[in-house]
Amino acid sequence: MSEILNSTGGASPLVKAVLDNIGRRYLVEHWESEDGSQEYDLYSDGYIVQKVVLIPSQNNSVSFPKEFRDLKYKLSTCSWDSVQQTADVGTIANWNWTWFGLSQKTTTGISKGGNVSPSRTVSIEIIAQGYAA
């Protein structure tokens, strides 16, 4: 009973914290690959934020660490050129990048479809947000 009530008969701090957070989203799992190229944060309501780093000159597709529930997840990107030391932040509009050319979107990943090949020094960070399967 001491875990539920404090010495004055009110709710203990632990019970109060639980009750105050009912219905709020909180982090339940964080995962990162050993090389740092993939990571995700999974929240209590099933919402997931996944990050994958892609080097387009080496890969034409991205597989997410966790599957999405449906295709209603959002994508955004940031590209980095290690030689020119420049960055470009953008959002995928109409499921197309100007130079990445998204060709396929599934619950487990996306594929490159564009015919523009960036230099070998460019990497793209892809952020995908939605609900996990």
C-alpha atoms as a PDB file:
ATOM      1  CA  MET A   1       0.000   0.000   0.000  1.00  0.00           C
ATOM      2  CA  SER A   2       2.966   2.327   0.595  1.00  0.00           C
ATOM      3  CA  GLU A   3       3.667   2.347  -3.177  1.00  0.00           C
ATOM      4  CA  ILE A   4       0.182   3.729  -3.829  1.00  0.00           C
ATOM      5  CA  LEU A   5      -0.245   6.282  -1.031  1.00  0.00           C
ATOM      6  CA  ASN A   6       2.264   8.655   0.491  1.00  0.00           C
ATOM      7  CA  SER A   7       2.463   9.451   4.230  1.00  0.00           C
ATOM      8  CA  THR A   8      -0.333  12.044   4.008  1.00  0.00           C
ATOM      9  CA  GLY A   9      -2.717   9.693   2.228  1.00  0.00           C
ATOM     10  CA  GLY A  10      -2.194  11.183  -1.257  1.00  0.00           C
ATOM     11  CA  ALA A  11      -0.930   9.346  -4.339  1.00  0.00           C
ATOM     12  CA  SER A  12       2.750   8.439  -4.294  1.00  0.00           C
ATOM     13  CA  PRO A  13       5.024  10.186  -6.853  1.00  0.00           C
ATOM     14  CA  LEU A  14       5.206   7.011  -8.937  1.00  0.00           C
ATOM     15  CA  VAL A  15       1.422   6.608  -9.149  1.00  0.00           C
ATOM     16  CA  LYS A  16       1.004  10.337  -9.816  1.00  0.00           C
ATOM     17  CA  ALA A  17       3.566  10.197 -12.646  1.00  0.00           C
ATOM     18  CA  VAL A  18       1.772   7.243 -14.250  1.00  0.00           C
ATOM     19  CA  LEU A  19      -1.635   8.893 -13.963  1.00  0.00           C
ATOM     20  CA  ASP A  20      -0.327  12.224 -15.287  1.00  0.00           C
ATOM     21  CA  ASN A  21       1.061  10.511 -18.399  1.00  0.00           C
ATOM     22  CA  ILE A  22      -1.905   8.376 -19.431  1.00  0.00           C
ATOM     23  CA  GLY A  23      -2.591   9.076 -23.090  1.00  0.00           C
ATOM     24  CA  ARG A  24       0.779  10.713 -23.749  1.00  0.00           C
ATOM     25  CA  ARG A  25       3.321   9.377 -26.208  1.00  0.00           C
ATOM     26  CA  TYR A  26       6.629   8.259 -24.705  1.00  0.00           C
ATOM     27  CA  LEU A  27       9.716   6.518 -26.037  1.00  0.00           C
ATOM     28  CA  VAL A  28       9.665   2.756 -25.501  1.00  0.00           C
ATOM     29  CA  GLU A  29      12.558   1.624 -27.716  1.00  0.00           C
ATOM     30  CA  HIS A  30      15.647   3.139 -29.340  1.00  0.00           C
ATOM     31  CA  TRP A  31      17.834   1.140 -31.729  1.00  0.00           C
ATOM     32  CA  GLU A  32      21.000   2.030 -33.664  1.00  0.00           C
ATOM     33  CA  SER A  33      23.077  -0.037 -36.078  1.00  0.00           C
ATOM     34  CA  GLU A  34      26.744  -0.545 -35.199  1.00  0.00           C
ATOM     35  CA  ASP A  35      27.944   1.601 -38.100  1.00  0.00           C
ATOM     36  CA  GLY A  36      25.451   4.395 -37.354  1.00  0.00           C
ATOM     37  CA  SER A  37      23.783   4.200 -40.775  1.00  0.00           C
ATOM     38  CA  GLN A  38      20.361   3.258 -39.367  1.00  0.00           C
ATOM     39  CA  GLU A  39      18.372   4.025 -36.241  1.00  0.00           C
ATOM     40  CA  TYR A  40      14.833   4.286 -34.983  1.00  0.00           C
ATOM     41  CA  ASP A  41      12.785   5.523 -32.049  1.00  0.00           C
ATOM     42  CA  LEU A  42       9.570   3.624 -31.302  1.00  0.00           C
ATOM     43  CA  TYR A  43       6.918   5.304 -29.145  1.00  0.00           C
ATOM     44  CA  SER A  44       4.205   3.963 -26.852  1.00  0.00           C
ATOM     45  CA  ASP A  45       1.395   4.519 -29.368  1.00  0.00           C
ATOM     46  CA  GLY A  46       3.234   2.720 -32.196  1.00  0.00           C
ATOM     47  CA  TYR A  47       4.573   5.884 -33.849  1.00  0.00           C
ATOM     48  CA  ILE A  48       8.075   5.356 -35.197  1.00  0.00           C
ATOM     49  CA  VAL A  49      10.797   7.684 -36.494  1.00  0.00           C
ATOM     50  CA  GLN A  50      13.418   5.907 -38.599  1.00  0.00           C
ATOM     51  CA  LYS A  51      16.658   7.325 -39.995  1.00  0.00           C
ATOM     52  CA  VAL A  52      18.689   5.689 -42.751  1.00  0.00           C
ATOM     53  CA  VAL A  53      21.825   7.077 -44.411  1.00  0.00           C
ATOM     54  CA  LEU A  54      22.098   6.217 -48.109  1.00  0.00           C
ATOM     55  CA  ILE A  55      25.066   6.706 -50.437  1.00  0.00           C
ATOM     56  CA  PRO A  56      23.338   6.838 -53.860  1.00  0.00           C
ATOM     57  CA  SER A  57      26.470   5.998 -55.801  1.00  0.00           C
ATOM     58  CA  GLN A  58      26.582   2.651 -53.940  1.00  0.00           C
ATOM     59  CA  ASN A  59      22.893   1.804 -53.335  1.00  0.00           C
ATOM     60  CA  ASN A  60      19.613   2.308 -55.122  1.00  0.00           C
ATOM     61  CA  SER A  61      17.292   1.302 -52.297  1.00  0.00           C
ATOM     62  CA  VAL A  62      16.695   1.729 -48.593  1.00  0.00           C
ATOM     63  CA  SER A  63      15.321  -0.934 -46.274  1.00  0.00           C
ATOM     64  CA  PHE A  64      13.873   0.351 -43.032  1.00  0.00           C
ATOM     65  CA  PRO A  65      14.889  -1.398 -39.797  1.00  0.00           C
ATOM     66  CA  LYS A  66      11.188  -1.758 -38.828  1.00  0.00           C
ATOM     67  CA  GLU A  67       8.194  -2.206 -41.136  1.00  0.00           C
ATOM     68  CA  PHE A  68       5.525   0.502 -41.329  1.00  0.00           C
ATOM     69  CA  ARG A  69       1.830  -0.327 -40.822  1.00  0.00           C
ATOM     70  CA  ASP A  70       0.859   1.241 -44.165  1.00  0.00           C
ATOM     71  CA  LEU A  71       2.133   3.627 -46.866  1.00  0.00           C
ATOM     72  CA  LYS A  72       0.967   6.736 -45.002  1.00  0.00           C
ATOM     73  CA  TYR A  73       4.406   7.453 -43.543  1.00  0.00           C
ATOM     74  CA  LYS A  74       6.165  10.775 -44.207  1.00  0.00           C
ATOM     75  CA  LEU A  75       9.606  11.101 -45.744  1.00  0.00           C
ATOM     76  CA  SER A  76      12.138  13.905 -45.533  1.00  0.00           C
ATOM     77  CA  THR A  77      15.767  14.148 -46.568  1.00  0.00           C
ATOM     78  CA  CYS A  78      19.019  15.899 -45.967  1.00  0.00           C
ATOM     79  CA  SER A  79      21.925  15.453 -48.349  1.00  0.00           C
ATOM     80  CA  TRP A  80      25.570  16.045 -47.518  1.00  0.00           C
ATOM     81  CA  ASP A  81      28.511  16.521 -49.884  1.00  0.00           C
ATOM     82  CA  SER A  82      31.673  15.656 -47.959  1.00  0.00           C
ATOM     83  CA  VAL A  83      33.986  17.305 -50.504  1.00  0.00           C
ATOM     84  CA  GLN A  84      32.118  20.586 -50.942  1.00  0.00           C
ATOM     85  CA  GLN A  85      31.095  20.605 -47.254  1.00  0.00           C
ATOM     86  CA  THR A  86      27.532  21.594 -48.147  1.00  0.00           C
ATOM     87  CA  ALA A  87      24.141  20.369 -46.961  1.00  0.00           C
ATOM     88  CA  ASP A  88      20.667  20.542 -48.480  1.00  0.00           C
ATOM     89  CA  VAL A  89      17.494  19.857 -46.514  1.00  0.00           C
ATOM     90  CA  GLY A  90      14.265  19.037 -48.334  1.00  0.00           C
ATOM     91  CA  THR A  91      10.997  17.181 -48.185  1.00  0.00           C
ATOM     92  CA  ILE A  92       9.929  14.638 -50.750  1.00  0.00           C
ATOM     93  CA  ALA A  93       7.091  16.250 -52.704  1.00  0.00           C
ATOM     94  CA  ASN A  94       4.791  14.020 -54.749  1.00  0.00           C
ATOM     95  CA  TRP A  95       7.132  11.164 -53.823  1.00  0.00           C
ATOM     96  CA  ASN A  96       9.926  12.508 -56.024  1.00  0.00           C
ATOM     97  CA  TRP A  97      13.332  13.962 -55.369  1.00  0.00           C
ATOM     98  CA  THR A  98      14.767  15.970 -58.196  1.00  0.00           C
ATOM     99  CA  TRP A  99      17.862  13.801 -58.314  1.00  0.00           C
ATOM    100  CA  PHE A 100      16.885  10.754 -56.267  1.00  0.00           C
ATOM    101  CA  GLY A 101      13.668  10.034 -58.181  1.00  0.00           C
ATOM    102  CA  LEU A 102      11.709   7.845 -55.813  1.00  0.00           C
ATOM    103  CA  SER A 103      10.327   4.964 -57.857  1.00  0.00           C
ATOM    104  CA  GLN A 104       8.838   2.627 -55.264  1.00  0.00           C
ATOM    105  CA  LYS A 105       7.494   3.071 -51.762  1.00  0.00           C
ATOM    106  CA  THR A 106       6.635   0.002 -49.684  1.00  0.00           C
ATOM    107  CA  THR A 107       6.079  -0.582 -45.971  1.00  0.00           C
ATOM    108  CA  THR A 108       9.611  -1.962 -45.737  1.00  0.00           C
ATOM    109  CA  GLY A 109      11.589   0.545 -47.823  1.00  0.00           C
ATOM    110  CA  ILE A 110      11.988   2.859 -50.793  1.00  0.00           C
ATOM    111  CA  SER A 111      13.836   2.557 -54.111  1.00  0.00           C
ATOM    112  CA  LYS A 112      15.680   5.061 -56.276  1.00  0.00           C
ATOM    113  CA  GLY A 113      14.236   5.609 -59.707  1.00  0.00           C
ATOM    114  CA  GLY A 114      15.866   8.797 -60.953  1.00  0.00           C
ATOM    115  CA  ASN A 115      18.436   8.815 -63.701  1.00  0.00           C
ATOM    116  CA  VAL A 116      20.612  11.507 -62.121  1.00  0.00           C
ATOM    117  CA  SER A 117      23.689  10.103 -60.439  1.00  0.00           C
ATOM    118  CA  PRO A 118      25.145  12.279 -57.703  1.00  0.00           C
ATOM    119  CA  SER A 119      28.878  12.375 -57.118  1.00  0.00           C
ATOM    120  CA  ARG A 120      30.485   9.732 -54.952  1.00  0.00           C
ATOM    121  CA  THR A 121      30.850  12.249 -52.142  1.00  0.00           C
ATOM    122  CA  VAL A 122      27.108  12.732 -51.572  1.00  0.00           C
ATOM    123  CA  SER A 123      25.174  10.897 -48.879  1.00  0.00           C
ATOM    124  CA  ILE A 124      21.468  11.244 -48.141  1.00  0.00           C
ATOM    125  CA  GLU A 125      19.916  10.988 -44.709  1.00  0.00           C
ATOM    126  CA  ILE A 126      16.331   9.770 -45.018  1.00  0.00           C
ATOM    127  CA  ILE A 127      13.881  10.295 -42.153  1.00  0.00           C
ATOM    128  CA  ALA A 128      10.671   8.245 -42.295  1.00  0.00           C
ATOM    129  CA  GLN A 129       7.862   8.824 -39.781  1.00  0.00           C
ATOM    130  CA  GLY A 130       4.620   6.931 -39.325  1.00  0.00           C
ATOM    131  CA  TYR A 131       3.138   3.993 -37.437  1.00  0.00           C
ATOM    132  CA  ALA A 132       4.954   0.685 -37.080  1.00  0.00           C
ATOM    133  CA  ALA A 133       3.374  -2.589 -38.190  1.00  0.00           C
END
